[in-house]
Amino acid sequence: MDVMLNRLAEMARRDEELNELLMSSEVLSQPKEMAKLAKEQSGLQKILVPYRQLLEVLEHLKQANEALGLDDKEIVEMAEMEIEELEQQKEVLVEKLEVLLIPVDPDDEKNAIVEIRGAAGGDEGNIFAGDLYRMYARYCESNGFKIEVMDASEAEAGGYTRIIFEVKGGEDPYGHLKFESGAHRVQRVPKTETQGRVHTSTATVLVLPEIEDTDFDLNPDDLVFDIHHASGAGGQHVNKTASAVRVTHTPTGISVNCQDGRSQHANRATAIKLIRSRVYEEMERRELEEKGVIRKTKIGTGDRSEKIRTYNYPQNRVSDHRIGLTINQLDRIMDGKLGDVIDALIAEDQKQKLAGN
């Protein structure tokens, strides 16, 4: 525990430094720097509040243990009772601090960009992509997040061949959804059939943090824009005006197409936002690869092709294959009550980090 206390003491010293900096005329004259330091201090408080509580408990424990050496039997008995209670408080605070000291993914607090595509299963895969979108939309709504559809291609039989949306607001949008990347498999009687046979179809989900232009410098000279007519079952504006935008990042070959906006300007802005996050992720992957580091989140690989979850309608069951979690409440989960699954994934990630995996 000494190592943890030393680390916490360093954080407390940093908090004092921040107090002085935030009151200095130099920082007060720089709003951006002031906001940055205030944010750092706010993050420290989540750890320092229980740390100060722990210091208080440790001081009381020291005093209670000293009282055990007194000749007064009544005081000794009271000290023993107090020690038992204080030891329990100490254990709770230490466990809490161990979790709080787990390295935080700096991307967790960013907005999330989620892309869902219908995959295997044709029409049924697209319909399932629509079901997943509604599931995430309801989950986000009930957890204080806001959703904004960035681009969508509706499928003729229902659902989407592809839908991209942004999740923002609330606390840690990307942190809540980052483990959703992968292949989601559905087992049910297709809505497009009447024969009653259970089929297996899939939809893929990709979750990226929204990368601001201040986080990653995307060279405009590396981008090639192509303006074209929208295509697909996308509604009344499809094919009427050349407002769809395809942008390609030439160094990586990554390409993004946006056609859902009602103007070329809107589609261009969305395409740039999407390609910045895609290119950032690819550059990060290449950098880790060059260093010989396996690109892997603590829970699964984060790859779109990894089979992560099965939704079995006949048995009303959802199974997450990465952590061996099975919940027999598929109807509730599809209605957006996804908290038990997401909380379990976050808890397992924390557990593995604590174990040093």
Protein backbone atom coordinates (compact mmCIF):
# COMPACT_ATOMS: atom_id res chain seq x y z
CA MET A 1 0.00 0.00 0.00
CA ASP A 2 3.02 2.27 0.49
CA VAL A 3 3.53 2.52 -3.28
CA MET A 4 -0.09 3.59 -3.73
CA LEU A 5 0.15 6.18 -0.93
CA ASN A 6 3.33 7.66 -2.45
CA ARG A 7 1.60 7.98 -5.80
CA LEU A 8 -1.40 9.63 -4.18
CA ALA A 9 0.83 12.04 -2.30
CA GLU A 10 2.37 13.10 -5.63
CA MET A 11 -1.12 13.78 -6.97
CA ALA A 12 -1.90 15.90 -3.92
CA ARG A 13 1.28 17.93 -4.54
CA ARG A 14 0.24 18.38 -8.19
CA ASP A 15 -3.16 19.63 -6.99
CA GLU A 16 -1.41 22.30 -4.91
CA GLU A 17 0.69 23.30 -7.93
CA LEU A 18 -2.46 23.62 -10.01
CA ASN A 19 -4.05 25.85 -7.37
CA GLU A 20 -1.11 28.24 -7.62
CA LEU A 21 -1.04 28.14 -11.43
CA LEU A 22 -4.77 28.82 -11.71
CA MET A 23 -4.36 31.93 -9.60
CA SER A 24 -1.34 33.23 -11.53
CA SER A 25 -1.79 36.22 -13.84
CA GLU A 26 -0.02 34.34 -16.65
CA VAL A 27 -2.61 31.55 -16.72
CA LEU A 28 -5.54 33.90 -16.08
CA SER A 29 -4.65 35.70 -19.31
CA GLN A 30 -4.78 32.44 -21.32
CA PRO A 31 -8.33 31.01 -21.33
CA LYS A 32 -7.34 27.80 -23.16
CA GLU A 33 -4.51 27.02 -20.74
CA MET A 34 -6.76 27.87 -17.81
CA ALA A 35 -9.46 25.50 -19.06
CA LYS A 36 -6.88 22.75 -19.59
CA LEU A 37 -5.46 23.07 -16.05
CA ALA A 38 -8.94 23.34 -14.50
CA LYS A 39 -9.92 20.12 -16.27
CA GLU A 40 -6.79 18.38 -14.94
CA GLN A 41 -7.58 19.55 -11.42
CA SER A 42 -11.19 18.41 -11.70
CA GLY A 43 -9.98 14.94 -12.72
CA LEU A 44 -7.62 14.82 -9.72
CA GLN A 45 -10.45 15.56 -7.28
CA LYS A 46 -12.14 12.23 -8.08
CA ILE A 47 -9.06 10.55 -6.60
CA LEU A 48 -8.04 13.06 -3.94
CA VAL A 49 -11.40 13.11 -2.13
CA PRO A 50 -11.25 9.38 -1.18
CA TYR A 51 -7.47 9.74 -0.64
CA ARG A 52 -8.05 12.39 2.04
CA GLN A 53 -10.73 10.17 3.58
CA LEU A 54 -8.20 7.33 3.67
CA LEU A 55 -5.59 9.55 5.38
CA GLU A 56 -8.16 10.42 8.02
CA VAL A 57 -9.00 6.75 8.58
CA LEU A 58 -5.29 5.84 8.83
CA GLU A 59 -4.74 8.59 11.42
CA HIS A 60 -7.68 7.34 13.51
CA LEU A 61 -6.35 3.79 13.21
CA LYS A 62 -2.98 4.93 14.49
CA GLN A 63 -4.60 6.61 17.51
CA ALA A 64 -6.82 3.58 18.19
CA ASN A 65 -3.84 1.21 18.08
CA GLU A 66 -1.96 3.44 20.49
CA ALA A 67 -4.95 3.25 22.87
CA LEU A 68 -4.56 -0.55 22.99
CA GLY A 69 -1.45 -0.04 25.13
CA LEU A 70 -3.34 1.78 27.89
CA ASP A 71 -4.22 0.16 31.24
CA ASP A 72 -7.89 1.21 31.04
CA LYS A 73 -9.88 -1.91 30.05
CA GLU A 74 -12.92 0.07 28.90
CA ILE A 75 -10.83 2.29 26.61
CA VAL A 76 -9.07 -0.79 25.17
CA GLU A 77 -12.42 -2.43 24.38
CA MET A 78 -13.65 0.75 22.68
CA ALA A 79 -10.39 0.96 20.71
CA GLU A 80 -10.76 -2.67 19.53
CA MET A 81 -14.30 -1.96 18.28
CA GLU A 82 -13.14 1.21 16.57
CA ILE A 83 -10.22 -0.60 14.90
CA GLU A 84 -12.57 -3.24 13.46
CA GLU A 85 -14.81 -0.55 11.98
CA LEU A 86 -11.88 1.53 10.71
CA GLU A 87 -10.24 -1.50 9.05
CA GLN A 88 -13.45 -2.08 7.06
CA GLN A 89 -13.53 1.57 5.99
CA LYS A 90 -9.86 1.36 5.03
CA GLU A 91 -10.47 -1.75 2.89
CA VAL A 92 -13.36 -0.09 1.02
CA LEU A 93 -11.35 3.09 0.35
CA VAL A 94 -8.25 1.18 -0.78
CA GLU A 95 -10.32 -0.89 -3.24
CA LYS A 96 -11.96 2.27 -4.56
CA LEU A 97 -8.62 4.01 -5.00
CA GLU A 98 -7.09 0.99 -6.76
CA VAL A 99 -9.83 1.26 -9.41
CA LEU A 100 -9.51 5.05 -9.65
CA LEU A 101 -5.74 4.73 -10.17
CA ILE A 102 -6.17 2.49 -13.21
CA PRO A 103 -4.71 4.39 -16.20
CA VAL A 104 -7.55 6.19 -17.95
CA ASP A 105 -7.96 5.96 -21.70
CA PRO A 106 -7.73 9.63 -22.75
CA ASP A 107 -10.22 8.94 -25.53
CA ASP A 108 -12.96 7.80 -23.12
CA GLU A 109 -14.35 11.29 -22.63
CA LYS A 110 -14.48 11.99 -26.37
CA ASN A 111 -17.65 11.84 -28.43
CA ALA A 112 -18.15 8.47 -30.11
CA ILE A 113 -18.70 7.88 -33.82
CA VAL A 114 -20.61 4.64 -34.36
CA GLU A 115 -21.03 2.91 -37.71
CA ILE A 116 -23.38 -0.05 -38.13
CA ARG A 117 -23.49 -2.08 -41.35
CA GLY A 118 -25.73 -4.93 -42.41
CA ALA A 119 -23.41 -7.86 -43.15
CA ALA A 120 -24.16 -11.58 -43.71
CA GLY A 121 -27.79 -12.44 -44.29
CA GLY A 122 -28.83 -9.93 -46.93
CA ASP A 123 -32.09 -8.17 -46.06
CA GLU A 124 -32.16 -9.69 -42.59
CA GLY A 125 -28.64 -8.39 -41.85
CA ASN A 126 -29.80 -4.88 -42.80
CA ILE A 127 -32.95 -5.18 -40.69
CA PHE A 128 -30.81 -6.29 -37.74
CA ALA A 129 -28.53 -3.27 -38.30
CA GLY A 130 -31.64 -1.13 -37.84
CA ASP A 131 -32.55 -3.02 -34.66
CA LEU A 132 -29.05 -2.41 -33.26
CA TYR A 133 -29.30 1.28 -34.07
CA ARG A 134 -32.59 1.54 -32.16
CA MET A 135 -31.05 -0.38 -29.25
CA TYR A 136 -28.11 2.04 -29.01
CA ALA A 137 -30.36 5.08 -29.52
CA ARG A 138 -32.58 4.05 -26.60
CA TYR A 139 -29.58 3.19 -24.41
CA CYS A 140 -28.03 6.59 -25.11
CA GLU A 141 -31.28 8.43 -24.47
CA SER A 142 -31.74 6.77 -21.07
CA ASN A 143 -28.12 7.51 -20.08
CA GLY A 144 -28.05 11.20 -20.91
CA PHE A 145 -26.24 10.95 -24.25
CA LYS A 146 -27.41 12.68 -27.41
CA ILE A 147 -27.41 11.04 -30.83
CA GLU A 148 -26.95 12.76 -34.16
CA VAL A 149 -27.20 10.74 -37.38
CA MET A 150 -24.28 11.67 -39.63
CA ASP A 151 -25.05 9.51 -42.64
CA ALA A 152 -27.43 6.66 -43.43
CA SER A 153 -28.31 4.36 -46.32
CA GLU A 154 -31.73 2.84 -45.76
CA ALA A 155 -32.37 -0.68 -47.04
CA GLU A 156 -35.41 -1.44 -49.19
CA ALA A 157 -36.62 -4.27 -46.93
CA GLY A 158 -36.10 -2.16 -43.81
CA GLY A 159 -33.19 -1.25 -41.57
CA TYR A 160 -29.93 0.05 -42.99
CA THR A 161 -27.15 -1.14 -45.21
CA ARG A 162 -25.13 1.43 -43.25
CA ILE A 163 -25.83 4.08 -40.61
CA ILE A 164 -23.30 6.36 -38.94
CA PHE A 165 -24.17 8.41 -35.89
CA GLU A 166 -22.40 10.51 -33.30
CA VAL A 167 -22.90 10.05 -29.56
CA LYS A 168 -22.15 13.10 -27.44
CA GLY A 169 -22.92 14.77 -24.14
CA GLY A 170 -23.03 12.99 -20.78
CA GLU A 171 -19.98 11.38 -19.23
CA ASP A 172 -17.50 9.38 -21.34
CA PRO A 173 -19.54 8.65 -24.51
CA TYR A 174 -16.69 6.73 -26.17
CA GLY A 175 -15.75 5.05 -22.88
CA HIS A 176 -19.24 3.53 -22.66
CA LEU A 177 -19.45 2.31 -26.26
CA LYS A 178 -15.88 1.42 -27.25
CA PHE A 179 -16.32 -2.29 -26.52
CA GLU A 180 -19.23 -2.53 -28.99
CA SER A 181 -16.93 -2.79 -32.03
CA GLY A 182 -17.19 -6.17 -33.72
CA ALA A 183 -19.59 -8.57 -35.44
CA HIS A 184 -23.02 -8.92 -33.81
CA ARG A 185 -24.87 -12.12 -34.72
CA VAL A 186 -28.64 -12.57 -34.63
CA GLN A 187 -30.49 -15.91 -34.56
CA ARG A 188 -34.20 -15.64 -35.33
CA VAL A 189 -36.91 -16.35 -37.84
CA PRO A 190 -36.29 -13.71 -40.52
CA LYS A 191 -38.87 -10.95 -40.69
CA THR A 192 -38.77 -11.37 -44.48
CA GLU A 193 -39.88 -15.03 -44.34
CA THR A 194 -42.95 -16.90 -43.10
CA GLN A 195 -41.62 -20.50 -43.00
CA GLY A 196 -40.58 -20.35 -39.36
CA ARG A 197 -36.96 -21.46 -39.80
CA VAL A 198 -34.34 -19.82 -37.58
CA HIS A 199 -31.60 -18.11 -39.59
CA THR A 200 -28.31 -16.55 -38.53
CA SER A 201 -27.44 -13.09 -39.82
CA THR A 202 -24.88 -10.50 -38.81
CA ALA A 203 -24.30 -6.78 -38.61
CA THR A 204 -20.98 -5.15 -37.85
CA VAL A 205 -20.35 -2.26 -35.50
CA LEU A 206 -17.36 0.07 -35.50
CA VAL A 207 -16.89 2.62 -32.69
CA LEU A 208 -14.30 5.38 -32.99
CA PRO A 209 -13.52 8.38 -30.79
CA GLU A 210 -14.23 11.69 -32.49
CA ILE A 211 -10.87 13.28 -33.16
CA GLU A 212 -10.78 17.07 -33.14
CA ASP A 213 -8.57 18.99 -35.55
CA THR A 214 -6.54 20.10 -32.52
CA ASP A 215 -5.84 16.43 -31.66
CA PHE A 216 -4.68 15.36 -35.11
CA ASP A 217 -3.46 17.44 -38.01
CA LEU A 218 -5.04 16.10 -41.19
CA ASN A 219 -3.15 17.55 -44.15
CA PRO A 220 -5.69 18.97 -46.65
CA ASP A 221 -3.26 18.19 -49.49
CA ASP A 222 -3.68 14.47 -48.72
CA LEU A 223 -7.45 14.58 -49.34
CA VAL A 224 -9.18 14.06 -52.69
CA PHE A 225 -12.85 15.04 -52.94
CA ASP A 226 -15.37 13.60 -55.40
CA ILE A 227 -18.85 15.11 -55.70
CA HIS A 228 -21.56 12.79 -57.03
CA HIS A 229 -25.26 11.93 -56.97
CA ALA A 230 -26.52 10.03 -53.94
CA SER A 231 -27.61 6.43 -54.48
CA GLY A 232 -29.73 3.81 -52.74
CA ALA A 233 -33.10 3.87 -50.97
CA GLY A 234 -32.28 7.12 -49.24
CA GLY A 235 -35.46 9.12 -49.74
CA GLN A 236 -36.67 12.04 -51.80
CA HIS A 237 -33.33 13.78 -52.27
CA VAL A 238 -31.57 10.75 -53.72
CA ASN A 239 -30.15 11.29 -57.24
CA LYS A 240 -31.77 14.73 -57.64
CA THR A 241 -28.69 16.83 -56.92
CA ALA A 242 -24.96 16.13 -56.95
CA SER A 243 -24.56 16.71 -53.21
CA ALA A 244 -22.99 13.44 -52.07
CA VAL A 245 -19.31 13.70 -51.14
CA ARG A 246 -16.63 11.03 -51.26
CA VAL A 247 -13.29 11.91 -49.72
CA THR A 248 -10.16 9.77 -49.98
CA HIS A 249 -7.01 10.06 -47.89
CA THR A 250 -4.36 9.25 -50.48
CA PRO A 251 -1.51 8.13 -48.16
CA THR A 252 -3.65 5.43 -46.52
CA GLY A 253 -6.28 4.84 -49.21
CA ILE A 254 -9.05 5.30 -46.61
CA SER A 255 -12.24 6.53 -48.23
CA VAL A 256 -15.46 7.92 -46.75
CA ASN A 257 -18.73 8.59 -48.58
CA CYS A 258 -21.46 10.85 -47.18
CA GLN A 259 -24.80 11.49 -48.86
CA ASP A 260 -27.36 11.87 -46.10
CA GLY A 261 -26.89 15.62 -45.56
CA ARG A 262 -29.20 17.99 -47.43
CA SER A 263 -26.32 19.92 -48.96
CA GLN A 264 -22.89 19.34 -50.38
CA HIS A 265 -21.46 21.56 -47.63
CA ALA A 266 -23.06 19.41 -44.87
CA ASN A 267 -21.84 16.17 -46.44
CA ARG A 268 -18.32 17.57 -46.86
CA ALA A 269 -18.15 18.60 -43.18
CA THR A 270 -19.36 15.16 -42.08
CA ALA A 271 -16.94 13.37 -44.41
CA ILE A 272 -13.97 15.33 -43.02
CA LYS A 273 -15.01 14.54 -39.44
CA LEU A 274 -15.30 10.83 -40.26
CA ILE A 275 -12.09 10.53 -42.21
CA ARG A 276 -10.11 12.34 -39.50
CA SER A 277 -11.14 9.69 -36.95
CA ARG A 278 -10.50 6.84 -39.43
CA VAL A 279 -7.05 8.08 -40.42
CA TYR A 280 -6.12 8.78 -36.78
CA GLU A 281 -7.01 5.20 -35.87
CA GLU A 282 -5.04 3.79 -38.82
CA MET A 283 -1.97 5.91 -38.02
CA GLU A 284 -2.13 4.77 -34.40
CA ARG A 285 -2.37 1.13 -35.52
CA ARG A 286 0.65 1.49 -37.82
CA GLU A 287 2.70 3.20 -35.11
CA LEU A 288 2.00 0.38 -32.65
CA GLU A 289 2.76 -2.21 -35.34
CA GLU A 290 6.14 -0.59 -36.05
CA LYS A 291 6.94 -0.76 -32.33
CA GLY A 292 5.98 -4.43 -32.30
CA VAL A 293 3.04 -3.81 -29.97
CA ILE A 294 -0.05 -5.96 -30.44
CA ARG A 295 -2.98 -3.64 -31.02
CA LYS A 296 -5.52 -4.98 -28.61
CA THR A 297 -8.00 -3.52 -26.19
CA LYS A 298 -8.31 -5.27 -22.83
CA ILE A 299 -11.63 -6.74 -23.97
CA GLY A 300 -11.35 -8.30 -27.42
CA THR A 301 -9.42 -6.89 -30.38
CA GLY A 302 -11.80 -4.07 -31.26
CA ASP A 303 -11.76 -5.33 -34.85
CA ARG A 304 -14.97 -5.13 -36.87
CA SER A 305 -14.67 -8.78 -37.93
CA GLU A 306 -14.39 -10.24 -34.41
CA LYS A 307 -17.57 -12.11 -33.41
CA ILE A 308 -18.40 -10.53 -30.07
CA ARG A 309 -22.07 -11.13 -29.31
CA THR A 310 -25.03 -13.34 -30.24
CA TYR A 311 -28.68 -12.30 -29.95
CA ASN A 312 -30.83 -15.44 -29.83
CA TYR A 313 -34.52 -14.53 -30.21
CA PRO A 314 -36.12 -17.99 -29.75
CA GLN A 315 -34.43 -18.32 -26.34
CA ASN A 316 -34.61 -14.59 -25.46
CA ARG A 317 -30.86 -14.77 -24.80
CA VAL A 318 -27.88 -12.47 -25.35
CA SER A 319 -24.35 -13.86 -25.05
CA ASP A 320 -21.16 -11.81 -25.06
CA HIS A 321 -18.44 -14.25 -26.10
CA ARG A 322 -15.47 -12.18 -24.91
CA ILE A 323 -16.34 -12.32 -21.21
CA GLY A 324 -18.64 -15.37 -21.13
CA LEU A 325 -21.68 -13.28 -20.17
CA THR A 326 -25.16 -14.64 -20.86
CA ILE A 327 -28.36 -12.73 -20.08
CA ASN A 328 -31.81 -14.17 -20.71
CA GLN A 329 -33.44 -10.79 -21.25
CA LEU A 330 -32.93 -10.11 -24.94
CA ASP A 331 -36.23 -8.22 -25.20
CA ARG A 332 -35.11 -5.71 -22.53
CA ILE A 333 -31.65 -5.33 -24.07
CA MET A 334 -33.04 -4.65 -27.55
CA ASP A 335 -35.22 -2.01 -25.89
CA GLY A 336 -32.04 -0.18 -24.89
CA LYS A 337 -31.49 -1.64 -21.42
CA LEU A 338 -27.92 -2.51 -22.30
CA GLY A 339 -26.40 -1.26 -19.06
CA ASP A 340 -25.75 -4.70 -17.53
CA VAL A 341 -23.73 -5.76 -20.58
CA ILE A 342 -21.74 -2.53 -20.89
CA ASP A 343 -21.09 -2.35 -17.14
CA ALA A 344 -19.84 -5.95 -17.17
CA LEU A 345 -17.44 -5.20 -20.03
CA ILE A 346 -16.08 -2.08 -18.29
CA ALA A 347 -15.70 -4.02 -15.00
CA GLU A 348 -13.82 -6.84 -16.74
CA ASP A 349 -11.53 -4.32 -18.43
CA GLN A 350 -10.76 -2.74 -15.05
CA LYS A 351 -10.19 -6.16 -13.49
CA GLN A 352 -7.68 -7.12 -16.16
CA LYS A 353 -5.87 -3.79 -15.86
CA LEU A 354 -5.66 -4.25 -12.07
CA ALA A 355 -4.18 -7.71 -12.65
CA GLY A 356 -1.64 -6.15 -15.00
CA ASN A 357 -2.77 -8.02 -18.09
